[in-house]
Structures are given as C-alpha cells and as structure tokens.
Amino acid sequence: MRCLELNPHSDDAAFNCTSVLEQLGDYDGAAQAYVQCLQINPSHGEALRHLNMLMDKLRGDSRALIRHMSAWRRSTV
C-alpha cells in the first residue's frame, strides 16, 4: 500500500493500513501489515491484539490460515 511505501518505518502507518486491507478482504495483506507493524514496534499492543483476532477469523478458513502463515514466515526471515 502507498502508506507503507511513504512511511516504511512507521508502525502507525502499517497499523492504519491493516484496517483498509481487512475491509477490502485482503487478509493476507492485513496480516503482513500487522507483522510489519510489530517488527517496527514489538510492543504495539493494538497490532498484536488485532492480529490475534484476524488469526481467529482465519481459523475458520484453513486455506486462508495456511496462506497467512506462509506469508508471515516469509516476512520474518
């Protein structure tokens, strides 16, 4: 997203992008933005809480959960 391109080191920019991505149904993108936010600021409690809620939502869709976990692994390496 453009907000992350303009502010790649801003945890707030990454967190703000997650809401838009989730509303668009881009759960993989939202999860990656949550992870990016947490990489910038590991103590960002809201990002951790929302990522947890997204994971709960994805548990009902096993394929989406697998895609998310694969994306998360790639972003943390």
N, C-alpha and C. Protein backbone atom coordinates (compact mmCIF):
# COMPACT_ATOMS: atom_id res chain seq x y z
N MET A 1 0.84 -1.18 0.00
CA MET A 1 0.00 0.00 0.00
C MET A 1 0.88 1.24 0.00
N ARG A 2 0.30 2.26 -0.53
CA ARG A 2 1.02 3.53 -0.66
C ARG A 2 1.48 4.08 0.69
N CYS A 3 0.64 3.93 1.73
CA CYS A 3 1.02 4.48 3.04
C CYS A 3 2.28 3.80 3.57
N LEU A 4 2.47 2.53 3.27
CA LEU A 4 3.68 1.83 3.72
C LEU A 4 4.89 2.22 2.86
N GLU A 5 4.64 2.52 1.59
CA GLU A 5 5.74 2.97 0.74
C GLU A 5 6.26 4.33 1.21
N LEU A 6 5.34 5.19 1.63
CA LEU A 6 5.73 6.54 2.07
C LEU A 6 6.34 6.53 3.46
N ASN A 7 5.92 5.60 4.30
CA ASN A 7 6.38 5.55 5.70
C ASN A 7 6.78 4.13 6.09
N PRO A 8 7.81 3.57 5.48
CA PRO A 8 8.15 2.16 5.73
C PRO A 8 8.62 1.87 7.16
N HIS A 9 8.96 2.90 7.92
CA HIS A 9 9.46 2.70 9.28
C HIS A 9 8.46 3.19 10.33
N SER A 10 7.23 3.41 9.90
CA SER A 10 6.21 3.92 10.82
C SER A 10 5.26 2.80 11.22
N ASP A 11 5.26 2.46 12.51
CA ASP A 11 4.34 1.45 12.98
C ASP A 11 2.89 1.91 12.84
N ASP A 12 2.65 3.21 13.01
CA ASP A 12 1.30 3.72 12.86
C ASP A 12 0.81 3.61 11.42
N ALA A 13 1.68 3.87 10.44
CA ALA A 13 1.29 3.73 9.04
C ALA A 13 0.94 2.29 8.73
N ALA A 14 1.76 1.36 9.21
CA ALA A 14 1.49 -0.07 8.97
C ALA A 14 0.18 -0.46 9.64
N PHE A 15 -0.04 -0.01 10.86
CA PHE A 15 -1.26 -0.36 11.58
C PHE A 15 -2.49 0.22 10.89
N ASN A 16 -2.40 1.46 10.43
CA ASN A 16 -3.53 2.09 9.76
C ASN A 16 -3.88 1.37 8.46
N CYS A 17 -2.89 0.85 7.77
CA CYS A 17 -3.15 0.11 6.53
C CYS A 17 -3.93 -1.17 6.79
N THR A 18 -3.75 -1.76 7.95
CA THR A 18 -4.40 -3.04 8.23
C THR A 18 -5.91 -2.93 8.18
N SER A 19 -6.47 -1.83 8.68
CA SER A 19 -7.93 -1.66 8.68
C SER A 19 -8.47 -1.64 7.25
N VAL A 20 -7.81 -0.91 6.39
CA VAL A 20 -8.24 -0.82 4.99
C VAL A 20 -8.14 -2.19 4.33
N LEU A 21 -7.02 -2.86 4.54
CA LEU A 21 -6.83 -4.17 3.92
C LEU A 21 -7.87 -5.18 4.41
N GLU A 22 -8.16 -5.17 5.69
CA GLU A 22 -9.17 -6.09 6.21
C GLU A 22 -10.55 -5.77 5.63
N GLN A 23 -10.89 -4.49 5.54
CA GLN A 23 -12.19 -4.12 4.98
C GLN A 23 -12.32 -4.52 3.52
N LEU A 24 -11.19 -4.54 2.81
CA LEU A 24 -11.19 -4.97 1.41
C LEU A 24 -11.18 -6.49 1.28
N GLY A 25 -11.03 -7.19 2.41
CA GLY A 25 -10.98 -8.65 2.38
C GLY A 25 -9.61 -9.20 2.08
N ASP A 26 -8.60 -8.34 2.10
CA ASP A 26 -7.22 -8.78 1.84
C ASP A 26 -6.58 -9.16 3.18
N TYR A 27 -6.96 -10.34 3.68
CA TYR A 27 -6.50 -10.77 4.99
C TYR A 27 -5.01 -11.09 5.00
N ASP A 28 -4.49 -11.60 3.88
CA ASP A 28 -3.05 -11.86 3.80
C ASP A 28 -2.28 -10.56 3.89
N GLY A 29 -2.73 -9.55 3.15
CA GLY A 29 -2.07 -8.24 3.19
C GLY A 29 -2.17 -7.61 4.56
N ALA A 30 -3.33 -7.75 5.20
CA ALA A 30 -3.52 -7.20 6.55
C ALA A 30 -2.57 -7.88 7.53
N ALA A 31 -2.48 -9.20 7.43
CA ALA A 31 -1.59 -9.93 8.33
C ALA A 31 -0.14 -9.49 8.14
N GLN A 32 0.25 -9.30 6.89
CA GLN A 32 1.62 -8.85 6.63
C GLN A 32 1.85 -7.45 7.19
N ALA A 33 0.84 -6.58 7.09
CA ALA A 33 0.98 -5.23 7.64
C ALA A 33 1.05 -5.28 9.17
N TYR A 34 0.27 -6.16 9.80
CA TYR A 34 0.37 -6.32 11.26
C TYR A 34 1.78 -6.78 11.64
N VAL A 35 2.30 -7.74 10.90
CA VAL A 35 3.65 -8.24 11.19
C VAL A 35 4.67 -7.13 11.00
N GLN A 36 4.53 -6.34 9.92
CA GLN A 36 5.45 -5.23 9.70
C GLN A 36 5.37 -4.24 10.86
N CYS A 37 4.16 -3.94 11.29
CA CYS A 37 3.98 -3.04 12.43
C CYS A 37 4.70 -3.57 13.66
N LEU A 38 4.55 -4.87 13.91
CA LEU A 38 5.17 -5.48 15.09
C LEU A 38 6.68 -5.62 14.95
N GLN A 39 7.18 -5.70 13.72
CA GLN A 39 8.63 -5.72 13.53
C GLN A 39 9.21 -4.35 13.84
N ILE A 40 8.48 -3.30 13.50
CA ILE A 40 8.93 -1.94 13.79
C ILE A 40 8.82 -1.65 15.28
N ASN A 41 7.69 -2.06 15.86
CA ASN A 41 7.43 -1.79 17.27
C ASN A 41 6.82 -3.05 17.91
N PRO A 42 7.67 -3.93 18.44
CA PRO A 42 7.19 -5.19 19.01
C PRO A 42 6.21 -5.02 20.18
N SER A 43 6.15 -3.84 20.78
CA SER A 43 5.24 -3.63 21.91
C SER A 43 3.94 -2.94 21.49
N HIS A 44 3.65 -2.91 20.20
CA HIS A 44 2.40 -2.30 19.71
C HIS A 44 1.24 -3.23 20.06
N GLY A 45 0.63 -2.98 21.20
CA GLY A 45 -0.39 -3.87 21.74
C GLY A 45 -1.62 -4.01 20.85
N GLU A 46 -2.06 -2.93 20.22
CA GLU A 46 -3.23 -2.99 19.35
C GLU A 46 -2.96 -3.88 18.14
N ALA A 47 -1.77 -3.78 17.57
CA ALA A 47 -1.44 -4.62 16.41
C ALA A 47 -1.44 -6.09 16.82
N LEU A 48 -0.90 -6.39 17.96
CA LEU A 48 -0.87 -7.77 18.43
C LEU A 48 -2.28 -8.29 18.68
N ARG A 49 -3.11 -7.46 19.29
CA ARG A 49 -4.49 -7.85 19.58
C ARG A 49 -5.28 -8.08 18.29
N HIS A 50 -5.14 -7.16 17.34
CA HIS A 50 -5.87 -7.29 16.07
C HIS A 50 -5.35 -8.45 15.24
N LEU A 51 -4.05 -8.70 15.26
CA LEU A 51 -3.51 -9.86 14.55
C LEU A 51 -4.08 -11.14 15.14
N ASN A 52 -4.21 -11.17 16.45
CA ASN A 52 -4.80 -12.32 17.13
C ASN A 52 -6.25 -12.52 16.68
N MET A 53 -7.01 -11.44 16.58
CA MET A 53 -8.40 -11.53 16.14
C MET A 53 -8.48 -12.00 14.68
N LEU A 54 -7.56 -11.51 13.85
CA LEU A 54 -7.53 -11.95 12.45
C LEU A 54 -7.22 -13.44 12.37
N MET A 55 -6.30 -13.90 13.20
CA MET A 55 -5.96 -15.33 13.21
C MET A 55 -7.19 -16.15 13.62
N ASP A 56 -7.95 -15.67 14.58
CA ASP A 56 -9.18 -16.37 14.98
C ASP A 56 -10.16 -16.44 13.81
N LYS A 57 -10.28 -15.34 13.07
CA LYS A 57 -11.17 -15.30 11.92
C LYS A 57 -10.71 -16.29 10.85
N LEU A 58 -9.40 -16.37 10.63
CA LEU A 58 -8.86 -17.24 9.59
C LEU A 58 -8.93 -18.72 9.96
N ARG A 59 -9.01 -19.01 11.23
CA ARG A 59 -9.07 -20.41 11.65
C ARG A 59 -10.27 -21.13 11.05
N GLY A 60 -11.32 -20.38 10.75
CA GLY A 60 -12.49 -20.98 10.12
C GLY A 60 -12.25 -21.31 8.65
N ASP A 61 -11.21 -20.75 8.06
CA ASP A 61 -10.88 -20.99 6.66
C ASP A 61 -9.44 -21.51 6.63
N SER A 62 -9.29 -22.82 6.62
CA SER A 62 -7.96 -23.43 6.77
C SER A 62 -7.02 -23.01 5.64
N ARG A 63 -7.52 -22.85 4.42
CA ARG A 63 -6.64 -22.43 3.32
C ARG A 63 -6.13 -21.02 3.53
N ALA A 64 -6.99 -20.12 4.02
CA ALA A 64 -6.57 -18.75 4.30
C ALA A 64 -5.54 -18.73 5.43
N LEU A 65 -5.74 -19.58 6.42
CA LEU A 65 -4.79 -19.65 7.53
C LEU A 65 -3.42 -20.13 7.03
N ILE A 66 -3.41 -21.13 6.17
CA ILE A 66 -2.15 -21.64 5.62
C ILE A 66 -1.46 -20.55 4.81
N ARG A 67 -2.22 -19.83 3.97
CA ARG A 67 -1.63 -18.73 3.18
C ARG A 67 -1.05 -17.68 4.11
N HIS A 68 -1.79 -17.33 5.16
CA HIS A 68 -1.31 -16.31 6.09
C HIS A 68 -0.03 -16.75 6.79
N MET A 69 -0.01 -17.97 7.27
CA MET A 69 1.18 -18.45 7.98
C MET A 69 2.39 -18.50 7.04
N SER A 70 2.17 -18.87 5.79
CA SER A 70 3.28 -18.87 4.82
C SER A 70 3.78 -17.45 4.60
N ALA A 71 2.87 -16.51 4.46
CA ALA A 71 3.26 -15.10 4.26
C ALA A 71 3.99 -14.58 5.48
N TRP A 72 3.52 -14.96 6.68
CA TRP A 72 4.14 -14.48 7.91
C TRP A 72 5.57 -15.04 8.01
N ARG A 73 5.75 -16.33 7.68
CA ARG A 73 7.08 -16.91 7.73
C ARG A 73 8.03 -16.20 6.78
N ARG A 74 7.56 -15.91 5.57
CA ARG A 74 8.41 -15.22 4.59
C ARG A 74 8.79 -13.82 5.09
N SER A 75 7.89 -13.15 5.79
CA SER A 75 8.17 -11.78 6.23
C SER A 75 9.08 -11.72 7.44
N THR A 76 9.21 -12.82 8.16
CA THR A 76 10.04 -12.80 9.37
C THR A 76 11.44 -13.35 9.12
N VAL A 77 11.69 -13.85 7.94
CA VAL A 77 13.01 -14.43 7.64
C VAL A 77 13.94 -13.36 7.14
